[in-house]
Every structure is written in C-alpha cells, then in structure tokens.
C-alpha cells in the first residue's frame, strides 16, 4: 500500500508519494494564502508526476502537517471567542483566566469568565463539592451570550478529572452544540499553564473543523479516495476528526515531521536534526527515531503553556532570510514564499541567505550571474555569521559533550556547515528538501497518557496508564493488533502524599485498514 505525505510550511508546501519505503514522487510548491488551495494543487501535481504508476491505485491514507493553527495564534486571526469556566472556588480566584496574556490575543479570544465551587486538593481529596447549580447557571449565561466554545479547568484535574467531566455533561445538556475542551485532556499539573492550553485549544476548534473539511474537499477534488490524517507534535498522526477536538496537538507538526523524515531517510534513530526552511531553522533531537519531548513550559504566541510539545529551538534563519547592513544583520525578516520573485538570484531586489549561498557556490539556483558581483567579503562574512548561528543553536540543543551525528534537512539546509564542534558528522540525505512530507507519510498513530497517580501502587498505575494510552491510540485510528509501547516514564513525586507519581506512557500502532 502507498501513502501521500504533505507538509504545509510558511514558505513551501511539500508533497511525496511513498510505497514500500521508497519515494516514488516528490515536489515542492510555494504555499498559498489559502492553505487548502495549496494542498489541492500539490495533490493534483503529485498525481500528475506519478501518472501511470500503479501505486496511485493503492493509496491507503493521506497525511497532512500544517502550520495553520500555530499561525492563527501568532497572527491573532480565525480564533473563536472562548468562555472560560474554572472550577476551584472558594480558592483560586486571585489570578483569573487570561491573566498575563498579550493584550491583543486576549482581546481576540476572551469571551467571558465564569468561576464556580469545586475541585480537588493536591492529594486527590475533594476541595469542595462541585456546585452543579452554579455550573448550570453559568452554562445558561454562556448560551445566552452566543459563545459556543468553552474551556473547562478544574483544580488538580490531572489527578482527578471528575469535576471537569461532570461539568461538561451539564454544559452539554444546556448547550448541545457547544465545543468543549477539558483541560486534563490537554495539559499537565500547573493550573494557569494547563488552563491556557485549554483556552487556546477551544479557540482553535472551529478553525480545525473548517480546515479539516477543506482538506477533505481537496482530496475529493483530486480524485483521491483515502482517509485523512493530521500530524501531531510528537511525530505521530490522528484522524481528522480527532485533530478537530485537539488542534493544539498539531502546533509543532512541521518540525517533528522533518525529524521523523530525517530518521527514516538516514536510518539513524539517535541524532540531532537541523531543519532549515525558508523562514526559520528548527533544531531538535531524535531519541529512538522520535523527537525528544519537552518537559518544561512552552510559550505559544506569548502565552505560557505546559502540554505535549517537542523539545525544539527555533531561530530566524532560512533560505529567504534578508541580509542587510553589508552582512552585519541577518534577519529576522524573510521574504518567505516570495523568494522566487524577491531574491537577487531570481531577478529580485532583496539580498537573501539564498543569494549568499549561490554566490559562494553552495547551491545552484536561479541565475548565478546575477549575484556573481557581490563583494567577496560580504559573501564570506555573511556565510560565516549564518554558520555560527546554526552552530550555536546546535550546541544549546545538546545535553552532553559527546559527539553526535547531525542530519541536515530542509530546502535551506545548504546553510548548515559541513563541520561543527561537538558533531561527529553532518549527514546529508536524498530527498532532504521534502523530509517533512516524508515524515508525515511514514507516521504512525499514537495514544499518550501523562497523569499523576496518587494512592495507587506503581504497577497498577503503569497498567492503568498503558490501558488508557492503548484505548486512545485505537480511538485515534490505530490497528488494535499492531499497537506497541514506545516509551514509559515513571517519576515519583516526593512533595505529594499517597505514593504519588507521574506516569507517561506512549503507545504507537499502524493505521487501521478500515479507518476513515
């Protein structure tokens, strides 16, 4: 069976057709303002490029990674107004929802704030009983206001989710069509960070539904009858319907697709990956063929969150990065998808990182003669500056001094130097420019549980977490007989009573044949 992988970046939309571990067709096209139009065109062009190949009749799935949801938060566009329902009175009212948010983002998202009694203590004991009457009353207020997206957050819900689930049932009775996000399904311990992640998720669910529907139409218009999957932050995929409920899990799918593709194309499972696109350079670390996960707070659009995200460092360096002040200033501005019209080597009027690379003989693009007269010192100094930028961020990503392989991928990977301190070798692979689309195409379905267990023996906690992660993987579209445990973390928490421990279990499996 064959698969199609697509990655929609800020500069380019990449697409590949894979079968039996081989890339049968690949292409790179400029990203369009309407991402669905770009996906549609990429599918049409990919089918044309593979015309006559029998693999086109055996497509089992189409996997798409998109920056659409991240861009919506960064650009403050296409966001729904959200009602924040916090369960925690009489405590936890001092710092209300949306506290510390950038003013423009809060203005775009904040609908109404509602606080009711309930929640649990840090050891799982009831703080106060859930005030069901208050929940019903606030639900009616939300319904009357016309808001349809609600984020529910309860104190210590990752330990005990009873209050959030019961409140959601009451809301659905009052507002049957409401889109509801429960914070314990998104974030970790840390009330404000978990609530922030839930609020962002709730604001994006409407956009996720529209985007998924547009992708489905693009598949249909291209004549491809295969189920749609979206790629997630951890390098795995979920069915479109599941991604609609949890769009925040797709925030960093672009860099993770590149990392998974780098592992697949190179055969390396433990390495650093540098992905240089048109606008940014993303650096991450592969462990067992999957991106290393971040365990610390992650800031998205100026908002502090704490949920499942890869451990990444990004800098404003890419093929479209603008060079100014005789090479003394590199970025952060980028011509992005306008590179073919703005770069000097294509007859444009803007000096870019690509022009420097062409002038230095790193890559042959456009008309090299147009940049042949760039001053030698400008080219050398700019190239050295960019290489130092890459080397510095690579060093920050390393966790020890031992040399480790580095895989250079992305359309702008010609900016990565061949030698760096602390790097055993720089690996350059075939199809490096579309590694992100390859990573999407090979992705498996996953299910993850990241919970704090209190008053439960270790083995019982591990068993329960594994069962729940398996259930989530199958619900997301995994073949039940193919699921396997990818990794397990079991960390005792000394400051919580009752033998408390944080357990994280991740399960992966192949796509169910009848999915979609």
Protein backbone atom coordinates (compact mmCIF):
# COMPACT_ATOMS: atom_id res chain seq x y z
CA UNK A 1 0.00 0.00 0.00
CA UNK A 2 1.13 3.56 -0.68
CA UNK A 3 0.76 6.82 1.23
CA UNK A 4 0.80 10.51 0.44
CA UNK A 5 2.50 12.90 2.86
CA UNK A 6 2.04 16.67 2.70
CA UNK A 7 3.62 19.36 4.85
CA UNK A 8 2.33 22.93 4.63
CA UNK A 9 5.00 25.37 5.74
CA UNK A 10 5.10 29.13 5.82
CA UNK A 11 7.15 29.22 2.61
CA UNK A 12 6.57 25.94 0.77
CA UNK A 13 4.06 23.10 0.60
CA UNK A 14 5.84 19.78 0.09
CA UNK A 15 4.28 16.51 -1.04
CA UNK A 16 5.55 12.95 -1.56
CA UNK A 17 4.16 9.61 -2.70
CA UNK A 18 5.68 6.69 -0.77
CA UNK A 19 5.39 2.95 -1.23
CA UNK A 20 7.46 0.22 0.34
CA UNK A 21 9.75 2.74 1.97
CA UNK A 22 10.64 4.37 -1.35
CA UNK A 23 9.87 7.91 -2.51
CA UNK A 24 8.12 7.47 -5.86
CA UNK A 25 7.37 11.15 -6.47
CA UNK A 26 8.15 14.37 -4.65
CA UNK A 27 7.51 18.06 -5.21
CA UNK A 28 7.82 21.46 -3.56
CA UNK A 29 5.41 24.30 -4.31
CA UNK A 30 5.04 27.81 -2.83
CA UNK A 31 2.48 27.92 -0.02
CA UNK A 32 -0.73 29.73 -0.93
CA UNK A 33 -2.69 32.21 1.16
CA UNK A 34 -5.48 29.62 1.40
CA UNK A 35 -3.66 26.50 2.61
CA UNK A 36 -6.39 24.21 1.26
CA UNK A 37 -5.85 25.58 -2.25
CA UNK A 38 -2.14 24.83 -1.91
CA UNK A 39 -2.85 21.29 -0.72
CA UNK A 40 -5.28 20.76 -3.60
CA UNK A 41 -2.73 21.93 -6.16
CA UNK A 42 0.03 19.84 -4.56
CA UNK A 43 -2.17 16.74 -4.80
CA UNK A 44 -3.00 17.44 -8.44
CA UNK A 45 0.67 17.96 -9.30
CA UNK A 46 1.75 14.89 -7.34
CA UNK A 47 -0.78 12.69 -9.13
CA UNK A 48 0.44 14.12 -12.44
CA UNK A 49 4.08 13.47 -11.51
CA UNK A 50 3.27 9.83 -10.70
CA UNK A 51 0.90 9.36 -13.65
CA UNK A 52 0.62 5.75 -14.70
CA UNK A 53 2.28 4.34 -11.57
CA UNK A 54 0.18 1.54 -10.03
CA UNK A 55 0.84 2.98 -6.55
CA UNK A 56 -1.77 5.66 -7.25
CA UNK A 57 -4.42 2.96 -7.10
CA UNK A 58 -3.19 1.69 -3.73
CA UNK A 59 -3.21 4.85 -1.61
CA UNK A 60 -4.27 3.88 1.92
CA UNK A 61 -4.03 7.31 3.57
CA UNK A 62 -3.12 10.95 3.13
CA UNK A 63 -1.20 12.59 5.98
CA UNK A 64 -1.04 16.38 6.24
CA UNK A 65 1.02 18.54 8.56
CA UNK A 66 0.16 22.22 8.71
CA UNK A 67 1.28 25.38 10.49
CA UNK A 68 -2.25 26.76 10.10
CA UNK A 69 -3.16 26.53 13.79
CA UNK A 70 0.12 27.99 15.03
CA UNK A 71 -0.14 30.84 12.54
CA UNK A 72 -3.69 31.60 13.70
CA UNK A 73 -2.42 32.21 17.24
CA UNK A 74 0.68 34.12 16.16
CA UNK A 75 -1.27 36.31 13.74
CA UNK A 76 -4.36 36.61 16.01
CA UNK A 77 -6.69 35.52 13.19
CA UNK A 78 -9.50 32.97 12.78
CA UNK A 79 -9.85 32.49 16.55
CA UNK A 80 -13.18 31.84 18.29
CA UNK A 81 -14.19 33.75 21.39
CA UNK A 82 -13.99 31.40 24.37
CA UNK A 83 -15.86 31.13 27.64
CA UNK A 84 -13.52 30.12 30.46
CA UNK A 85 -15.15 28.01 33.17
CA UNK A 86 -12.85 27.48 36.15
CA UNK A 87 -13.81 25.08 38.94
CA UNK A 88 -11.98 25.96 42.15
CA UNK A 89 -13.85 28.41 44.36
CA UNK A 90 -13.55 29.46 47.14
CA UNK A 91 -9.82 29.34 46.32
CA UNK A 92 -8.03 30.01 43.01
CA UNK A 93 -9.78 33.28 42.16
CA UNK A 94 -6.80 35.58 42.66
CA UNK A 95 -5.38 35.03 39.16
CA UNK A 96 -8.31 34.84 36.73
CA UNK A 97 -8.27 33.19 33.29
CA UNK A 98 -6.34 35.07 30.58
CA UNK A 99 -4.05 36.63 33.21
CA UNK A 100 -0.66 37.55 31.73
CA UNK A 101 -1.80 37.16 28.13
CA UNK A 102 -0.74 39.59 25.38
CA UNK A 103 -3.47 42.21 25.19
CA UNK A 104 -4.21 41.70 21.50
CA UNK A 105 -4.55 37.92 21.82
CA UNK A 106 -6.76 38.21 24.90
CA UNK A 107 -8.94 40.75 23.07
CA UNK A 108 -9.36 38.33 20.18
CA UNK A 109 -10.22 35.29 22.32
CA UNK A 110 -11.69 36.34 25.65
CA UNK A 111 -15.43 35.86 25.65
CA UNK A 112 -16.48 35.52 29.28
CA UNK A 113 -15.09 34.24 32.58
CA UNK A 114 -17.02 32.00 34.95
CA UNK A 115 -15.90 30.61 38.31
CA UNK A 116 -17.74 28.02 40.37
CA UNK A 117 -17.10 25.99 43.51
CA UNK A 118 -15.48 22.58 43.27
CA UNK A 119 -12.16 20.93 42.54
CA UNK A 120 -9.75 18.72 44.43
CA UNK A 121 -6.74 19.07 46.66
CA UNK A 122 -3.21 18.09 45.57
CA UNK A 123 -3.68 14.67 47.17
CA UNK A 124 -6.97 13.93 45.42
CA UNK A 125 -9.28 14.91 48.30
CA UNK A 126 -12.33 16.99 47.47
CA UNK A 127 -11.66 20.70 47.91
CA UNK A 128 -15.37 21.44 47.99
CA UNK A 129 -18.20 19.55 46.24
CA UNK A 130 -18.88 20.66 42.69
CA UNK A 131 -21.55 23.38 42.67
CA UNK A 132 -23.74 21.81 39.99
CA UNK A 133 -26.39 24.51 40.23
CA UNK A 134 -23.75 27.18 39.61
CA UNK A 135 -22.38 25.25 36.63
CA UNK A 136 -25.87 25.04 35.11
CA UNK A 137 -26.45 28.73 35.79
CA UNK A 138 -23.15 29.75 34.17
CA UNK A 139 -23.81 27.41 31.24
CA UNK A 140 -27.06 29.24 30.60
CA UNK A 141 -25.23 32.58 30.71
CA UNK A 142 -22.73 31.29 28.15
CA UNK A 143 -25.53 30.03 25.92
CA UNK A 144 -27.35 33.37 26.14
CA UNK A 145 -24.17 35.23 25.14
CA UNK A 146 -23.90 33.31 21.88
CA UNK A 147 -20.48 31.84 22.65
CA UNK A 148 -20.14 28.23 21.52
CA UNK A 149 -16.55 27.40 22.59
CA UNK A 150 -15.92 26.59 26.24
CA UNK A 151 -12.74 25.61 28.11
CA UNK A 152 -13.29 23.86 31.46
CA UNK A 153 -10.48 23.82 34.01
CA UNK A 154 -10.63 22.29 37.48
CA UNK A 155 -8.03 22.40 40.23
CA UNK A 156 -5.68 19.38 40.06
CA UNK A 157 -7.80 17.73 37.36
CA UNK A 158 -4.81 15.70 36.03
CA UNK A 159 -5.10 13.78 39.32
CA UNK A 160 -8.88 13.59 39.39
CA UNK A 161 -10.96 14.61 36.39
CA UNK A 162 -14.41 14.08 37.95
CA UNK A 163 -15.33 17.76 38.21
CA UNK A 164 -14.39 18.60 34.63
CA UNK A 165 -16.30 15.65 33.21
CA UNK A 166 -19.40 16.30 35.29
CA UNK A 167 -19.37 20.00 34.40
CA UNK A 168 -19.07 19.07 30.71
CA UNK A 169 -22.16 16.86 30.98
CA UNK A 170 -24.14 19.73 32.46
CA UNK A 171 -22.93 22.11 29.74
CA UNK A 172 -23.95 19.68 27.01
CA UNK A 173 -27.44 19.45 28.49
CA UNK A 174 -27.76 23.24 28.31
CA UNK A 175 -25.67 23.71 25.12
CA UNK A 176 -25.86 20.55 22.99
CA UNK A 177 -23.87 22.10 20.12
CA UNK A 178 -21.08 23.56 22.27
CA UNK A 179 -17.44 22.80 21.52
CA UNK A 180 -15.95 21.87 24.91
CA UNK A 181 -12.29 21.47 25.86
CA UNK A 182 -11.38 19.75 29.14
CA UNK A 183 -8.03 20.87 30.49
CA UNK A 184 -6.99 17.47 31.86
CA UNK A 185 -7.06 16.09 28.29
CA UNK A 186 -4.62 18.79 27.15
CA UNK A 187 -2.21 19.92 29.86
CA UNK A 188 -0.32 18.86 32.94
CA UNK A 189 -0.07 19.95 36.57
CA UNK A 190 0.05 23.74 36.78
CA UNK A 191 -3.36 25.40 36.80
CA UNK A 192 -2.65 28.51 34.72
CA UNK A 193 -0.48 26.81 32.08
CA UNK A 194 -2.98 23.97 31.69
CA UNK A 195 -5.89 26.42 31.53
CA UNK A 196 -4.03 28.48 28.92
CA UNK A 197 -3.52 25.43 26.71
CA UNK A 198 -7.22 24.54 27.06
CA UNK A 199 -8.26 28.09 26.14
CA UNK A 200 -6.07 28.06 23.03
CA UNK A 201 -7.46 24.67 22.04
CA UNK A 202 -11.05 25.87 22.46
CA UNK A 203 -10.37 28.95 20.33
CA UNK A 204 -8.97 26.80 17.52
CA UNK A 205 -11.58 24.04 17.33
CA UNK A 206 -13.78 25.94 14.89
CA UNK A 207 -10.81 26.64 12.61
CA UNK A 208 -9.75 23.00 12.91
CA UNK A 209 -13.16 21.83 11.74
CA UNK A 210 -13.11 24.19 8.76
CA UNK A 211 -9.52 23.29 7.87
CA UNK A 212 -10.15 19.56 8.06
CA UNK A 213 -13.28 19.91 5.91
CA UNK A 214 -11.28 21.91 3.35
CA UNK A 215 -8.57 19.23 3.26
CA UNK A 216 -11.20 16.53 2.75
CA UNK A 217 -12.65 18.52 -0.16
CA UNK A 218 -9.15 18.90 -1.60
CA UNK A 219 -8.72 15.12 -1.51
CA UNK A 220 -12.08 14.59 -3.16
CA UNK A 221 -11.40 17.21 -5.85
CA UNK A 222 -8.10 15.47 -6.60
CA UNK A 223 -9.83 12.14 -7.10
CA UNK A 224 -8.13 10.51 -4.11
CA UNK A 225 -10.39 8.21 -2.10
CA UNK A 226 -8.37 7.74 1.09
CA UNK A 227 -8.83 8.72 4.73
CA UNK A 228 -7.27 11.94 6.02
CA UNK A 229 -4.87 12.13 8.95
CA UNK A 230 -3.19 15.15 10.50
CA UNK A 231 0.27 15.01 12.02
CA UNK A 232 0.89 15.89 15.65
CA UNK A 233 3.58 17.44 17.83
CA UNK A 234 5.09 14.07 18.76
CA UNK A 235 5.65 12.85 15.20
CA UNK A 236 2.53 10.69 15.01
CA UNK A 237 -0.86 11.12 13.34
CA UNK A 238 -4.55 11.16 14.21
CA UNK A 239 -7.67 11.02 12.13
CA UNK A 240 -9.01 14.39 11.06
CA UNK A 241 -11.99 14.12 13.40
CA UNK A 242 -9.69 13.62 16.40
CA UNK A 243 -7.47 16.55 15.39
CA UNK A 244 -10.59 18.74 15.29
CA UNK A 245 -11.03 18.17 19.04
CA UNK A 246 -7.40 18.78 19.98
CA UNK A 247 -5.83 21.14 17.41
CA UNK A 248 -3.12 22.30 19.85
CA UNK A 249 -1.53 18.87 19.47
CA UNK A 250 -0.74 19.86 15.85
CA UNK A 251 1.12 23.09 16.71
CA UNK A 252 4.66 21.82 16.07
CA UNK A 253 3.87 19.17 13.48
CA UNK A 254 6.13 20.74 10.82
CA UNK A 255 9.47 20.38 12.66
CA UNK A 256 8.52 16.96 14.03
CA UNK A 257 7.62 15.75 10.54
CA UNK A 258 11.08 16.80 9.39
CA UNK A 259 12.69 14.94 12.28
CA UNK A 260 10.76 11.75 11.60
CA UNK A 261 11.56 12.04 7.91
CA UNK A 262 15.23 12.59 8.72
CA UNK A 263 15.31 9.43 10.83
CA UNK A 264 13.57 7.41 8.11
CA UNK A 265 15.72 8.63 5.22
CA UNK A 266 19.04 8.40 7.09
CA UNK A 267 18.44 5.22 9.08
CA UNK A 268 19.60 7.00 12.25
CA UNK A 269 17.42 6.83 15.35
CA UNK A 270 19.52 8.94 17.73
CA UNK A 271 20.83 12.17 16.28
CA UNK A 272 20.40 15.92 16.13
CA UNK A 273 18.28 17.27 13.29
CA UNK A 274 18.61 20.73 11.76
CA UNK A 275 15.67 21.67 9.55
CA UNK A 276 16.29 24.85 7.54
CA UNK A 277 13.23 26.14 5.76
CA UNK A 278 12.54 29.41 4.00
CA UNK A 279 11.94 31.40 7.18
CA UNK A 280 13.27 29.54 10.24
CA UNK A 281 15.79 26.96 11.34
CA UNK A 282 14.44 24.37 13.78
CA UNK A 283 16.79 22.15 15.78
CA UNK A 284 15.64 19.08 17.66
CA UNK A 285 16.92 15.77 18.98
CA UNK A 286 15.90 12.27 17.91
CA UNK A 287 15.58 9.58 20.57
CA UNK A 288 14.57 6.17 19.28
CA UNK A 289 13.52 7.71 15.98
CA UNK A 290 11.05 10.15 17.56
CA UNK A 291 11.51 13.78 18.67
CA UNK A 292 12.59 14.27 22.26
CA UNK A 293 9.68 15.74 24.21
CA UNK A 294 9.87 18.95 26.22
CA UNK A 295 9.14 18.69 29.93
CA UNK A 296 9.24 22.41 30.62
CA UNK A 297 6.90 25.31 29.99
CA UNK A 298 6.39 26.19 26.32
CA UNK A 299 5.37 29.69 25.21
CA UNK A 300 2.99 29.90 22.26
CA UNK A 301 2.01 33.26 20.84
CA UNK A 302 3.19 34.90 24.06
CA UNK A 303 1.14 32.54 26.28
CA UNK A 304 2.70 30.17 28.83
CA UNK A 305 1.51 26.58 28.38
CA UNK A 306 2.51 23.13 29.54
CA UNK A 307 1.41 20.23 27.36
CA UNK A 308 2.79 17.69 24.89
CA UNK A 309 5.34 19.51 22.72
CA UNK A 310 8.69 18.56 21.18
CA UNK A 311 11.92 19.94 22.59
CA UNK A 312 12.84 22.42 19.87
CA UNK A 313 14.87 25.58 19.43
CA UNK A 314 13.97 27.84 16.52
CA UNK A 315 15.84 30.83 15.11
CA UNK A 316 15.02 33.29 12.35
CA UNK A 317 17.29 31.86 9.68
CA UNK A 318 16.18 30.33 6.39
CA UNK A 319 16.67 30.45 2.68
CA UNK A 320 14.52 33.56 2.45
CA UNK A 321 16.19 35.42 5.34
CA UNK A 322 17.01 39.01 4.44
CA UNK A 323 20.65 40.16 4.66
CA UNK A 324 21.25 43.83 5.46
CA UNK A 325 23.92 46.30 6.59
CA UNK A 326 26.63 44.71 4.43
CA UNK A 327 26.11 41.33 6.06
CA UNK A 328 26.17 42.58 9.61
CA UNK A 329 22.45 41.96 10.07
CA UNK A 330 20.98 38.52 9.33
CA UNK A 331 17.17 38.52 9.52
CA UNK A 332 14.89 38.21 11.32
CA UNK A 333 12.88 39.36 8.30
CA UNK A 334 12.29 36.88 5.49
CA UNK A 335 10.81 37.10 2.01
CA UNK A 336 9.18 33.71 2.72
CA UNK A 337 7.22 32.23 -0.17
CA UNK A 338 8.11 35.28 -2.30
CA UNK A 339 11.72 34.05 -2.62
CA UNK A 340 11.37 33.24 -6.37
CA UNK A 341 10.40 36.85 -7.07
CA UNK A 342 12.34 38.80 -4.42
CA UNK A 343 15.79 37.14 -4.22
CA UNK A 344 18.58 38.69 -6.30
CA UNK A 345 19.43 35.39 -7.99
CA UNK A 346 15.90 35.31 -9.39
CA UNK A 347 16.00 38.90 -10.60
CA UNK A 348 14.52 40.46 -7.47
CA UNK A 349 15.70 43.36 -5.35
CA UNK A 350 16.33 41.77 -1.92
CA UNK A 351 19.59 40.22 -0.73
CA UNK A 352 18.76 36.89 0.91
CA UNK A 353 20.58 33.98 2.51
CA UNK A 354 19.97 32.01 -0.70
CA UNK A 355 21.79 34.68 -2.72
CA UNK A 356 24.80 34.38 -0.40
CA UNK A 357 24.81 30.58 -0.79
CA UNK A 358 24.54 30.83 -4.57
CA UNK A 359 27.37 33.37 -4.71
CA UNK A 360 29.51 31.10 -2.52
CA UNK A 361 28.87 28.11 -4.78
CA UNK A 362 26.93 26.22 -2.09
CA UNK A 363 23.93 25.72 -4.38
CA UNK A 364 22.91 26.41 -7.97
CA UNK A 365 19.61 28.30 -8.09
CA UNK A 366 18.13 30.94 -10.36
CA UNK A 367 20.75 32.84 -12.36
CA UNK A 368 24.10 32.70 -10.54
CA UNK A 369 25.41 35.50 -12.75
CA UNK A 370 23.07 37.94 -11.03
CA UNK A 371 24.96 37.52 -7.73
CA UNK A 372 28.46 36.94 -9.10
CA UNK A 373 29.43 40.55 -8.44
CA UNK A 374 28.54 40.53 -4.75
CA UNK A 375 31.65 41.64 -2.79
CA UNK A 376 33.73 38.68 -1.63
CA UNK A 377 33.99 39.91 1.99
CA UNK A 378 30.19 40.34 2.14
CA UNK A 379 29.63 36.77 0.98
CA UNK A 380 32.29 35.30 3.30
CA UNK A 381 31.23 37.28 6.37
CA UNK A 382 27.51 36.58 5.86
CA UNK A 383 28.13 32.87 5.37
CA UNK A 384 30.32 32.69 8.48
CA UNK A 385 27.71 34.59 10.51
CA UNK A 386 24.94 32.17 9.45
CA UNK A 387 27.07 29.12 10.15
CA UNK A 388 27.81 30.44 13.64
CA UNK A 389 24.08 30.94 14.22
CA UNK A 390 23.44 27.28 13.35
CA UNK A 391 26.38 26.02 15.42
CA UNK A 392 25.26 27.99 18.47
CA UNK A 393 21.72 26.62 18.45
CA UNK A 394 23.02 23.08 17.86
CA UNK A 395 25.24 23.40 20.92
CA UNK A 396 22.27 24.61 23.00
CA UNK A 397 20.24 21.56 21.99
CA UNK A 398 22.90 19.06 23.08
CA UNK A 399 22.58 17.56 26.56
CA UNK A 400 26.19 16.35 26.92
CA UNK A 401 29.62 16.85 25.38
CA UNK A 402 29.77 13.56 23.47
CA UNK A 403 29.86 14.00 19.67
CA UNK A 404 26.60 13.05 17.97
CA UNK A 405 25.55 12.81 14.30
CA UNK A 406 23.61 15.71 12.83
CA UNK A 407 21.13 15.31 9.96
CA UNK A 408 20.66 18.39 7.78
CA UNK A 409 17.27 18.61 6.09
CA UNK A 410 15.02 21.24 4.55
CA UNK A 411 15.20 23.32 1.40
CA UNK A 412 17.69 25.67 3.08
CA UNK A 413 20.00 23.00 4.50
CA UNK A 414 22.81 24.32 2.28
CA UNK A 415 23.29 26.87 5.09
CA UNK A 416 24.40 24.11 7.51
CA UNK A 417 28.22 23.86 7.64
CA UNK A 418 29.90 20.51 6.97
CA UNK A 419 31.78 20.58 10.28
CA UNK A 420 30.74 21.71 13.74
CA UNK A 421 32.26 21.28 17.17
CA UNK A 422 30.53 18.50 19.11
CA UNK A 423 29.08 16.94 15.95
CA UNK A 424 30.56 13.63 14.81
CA UNK A 425 29.35 14.02 11.23
CA UNK A 426 26.90 16.09 9.22
CA UNK A 427 24.65 13.69 7.33
CA UNK A 428 23.09 14.89 4.08
CA UNK A 429 20.39 12.65 2.67
CA UNK A 430 18.48 12.12 -0.54
CA UNK A 431 15.12 13.94 -0.62
CA UNK A 432 16.31 16.16 2.23
CA UNK A 433 14.25 19.08 0.90
CA UNK A 434 11.00 17.16 1.41
CA UNK A 435 11.93 15.29 4.59
CA UNK A 436 8.94 16.92 6.31
CA UNK A 437 6.49 15.39 3.82
CA UNK A 438 8.27 12.03 4.13
CA UNK A 439 7.91 12.22 7.91
CA UNK A 440 4.20 12.84 7.52
CA UNK A 441 3.81 9.90 5.13
CA UNK A 442 5.51 7.35 7.40
CA UNK A 443 3.85 8.46 10.64
CA UNK A 444 2.10 6.01 12.93
CA UNK A 445 -0.97 6.53 15.08
CA UNK A 446 -0.35 7.20 18.76
CA UNK A 447 -2.05 7.38 22.11
CA UNK A 448 -0.49 9.02 25.14
CA UNK A 449 -1.30 9.34 28.82
CA UNK A 450 0.55 11.79 31.05
CA UNK A 451 -1.04 11.66 34.51
CA UNK A 452 -0.29 11.96 38.20
CA UNK A 453 -1.42 8.92 40.18
CA UNK A 454 -1.92 9.19 43.93
CA UNK A 455 -2.80 6.39 46.34
CA UNK A 456 -2.14 3.76 43.67
CA UNK A 457 0.66 1.20 43.63
CA UNK A 458 3.27 1.61 40.92
CA UNK A 459 2.36 -1.49 38.89
CA UNK A 460 -1.33 -0.63 39.00
CA UNK A 461 -0.61 2.94 37.87
CA UNK A 462 1.51 1.71 34.96
CA UNK A 463 -1.14 -0.81 33.93
CA UNK A 464 -3.94 1.75 34.03
CA UNK A 465 -1.91 4.31 32.06
CA UNK A 466 -0.98 1.71 29.45
CA UNK A 467 -4.60 0.61 29.01
CA UNK A 468 -5.76 4.21 28.65
CA UNK A 469 -2.99 5.08 26.16
CA UNK A 470 -3.85 1.98 24.13
CA UNK A 471 -7.51 2.94 24.09
CA UNK A 472 -6.64 6.42 22.89
CA UNK A 473 -4.39 5.05 20.12
CA UNK A 474 -7.15 2.76 18.84
CA UNK A 475 -9.66 5.60 19.06
CA UNK A 476 -7.28 7.75 17.01
CA UNK A 477 -7.21 5.14 14.23
CA UNK A 478 -4.58 2.52 15.17
CA UNK A 479 -4.95 -1.14 14.24
CA UNK A 480 -5.56 -2.90 17.60
CA UNK A 481 -3.24 -5.79 16.80
CA UNK A 482 -0.31 -3.53 15.89
CA UNK A 483 -0.06 -1.33 18.99
CA UNK A 484 3.14 -1.35 20.98
CA UNK A 485 4.63 0.68 23.81
CA UNK A 486 7.03 3.32 22.54
CA UNK A 487 8.18 4.73 25.86
CA UNK A 488 7.28 4.83 29.56
CA UNK A 489 8.24 7.41 32.18
CA UNK A 490 7.62 6.77 35.87
CA UNK A 491 8.69 9.60 38.17
CA UNK A 492 7.89 9.56 41.93
CA UNK A 493 6.81 12.97 43.27
CA UNK A 494 8.22 13.44 46.74
CA UNK A 495 6.24 16.58 47.60
CA UNK A 496 2.85 14.90 47.08
CA UNK A 497 1.47 12.37 49.58
CA UNK A 498 -0.05 8.97 48.88
CA UNK A 499 2.80 7.39 46.88
CA UNK A 500 2.20 9.96 44.13
CA UNK A 501 3.98 9.54 40.82
CA UNK A 502 3.85 11.00 37.36
CA UNK A 503 3.36 8.32 34.70
CA UNK A 504 3.69 8.98 30.99
CA UNK A 505 3.03 6.16 28.54
CA UNK A 506 3.06 6.49 24.76
CA UNK A 507 1.62 3.79 22.51
CA UNK A 508 2.03 3.67 18.72
CA UNK A 509 0.44 1.50 16.06
CA UNK A 510 -0.12 1.21 12.34
CA UNK A 511 -3.14 2.69 10.61
CA UNK A 512 -6.26 0.53 10.81
CA UNK A 513 -7.09 -0.71 7.33
CA UNK A 514 -10.73 0.33 7.58
CA UNK A 515 -10.02 3.75 9.14
CA UNK A 516 -11.60 6.87 7.71
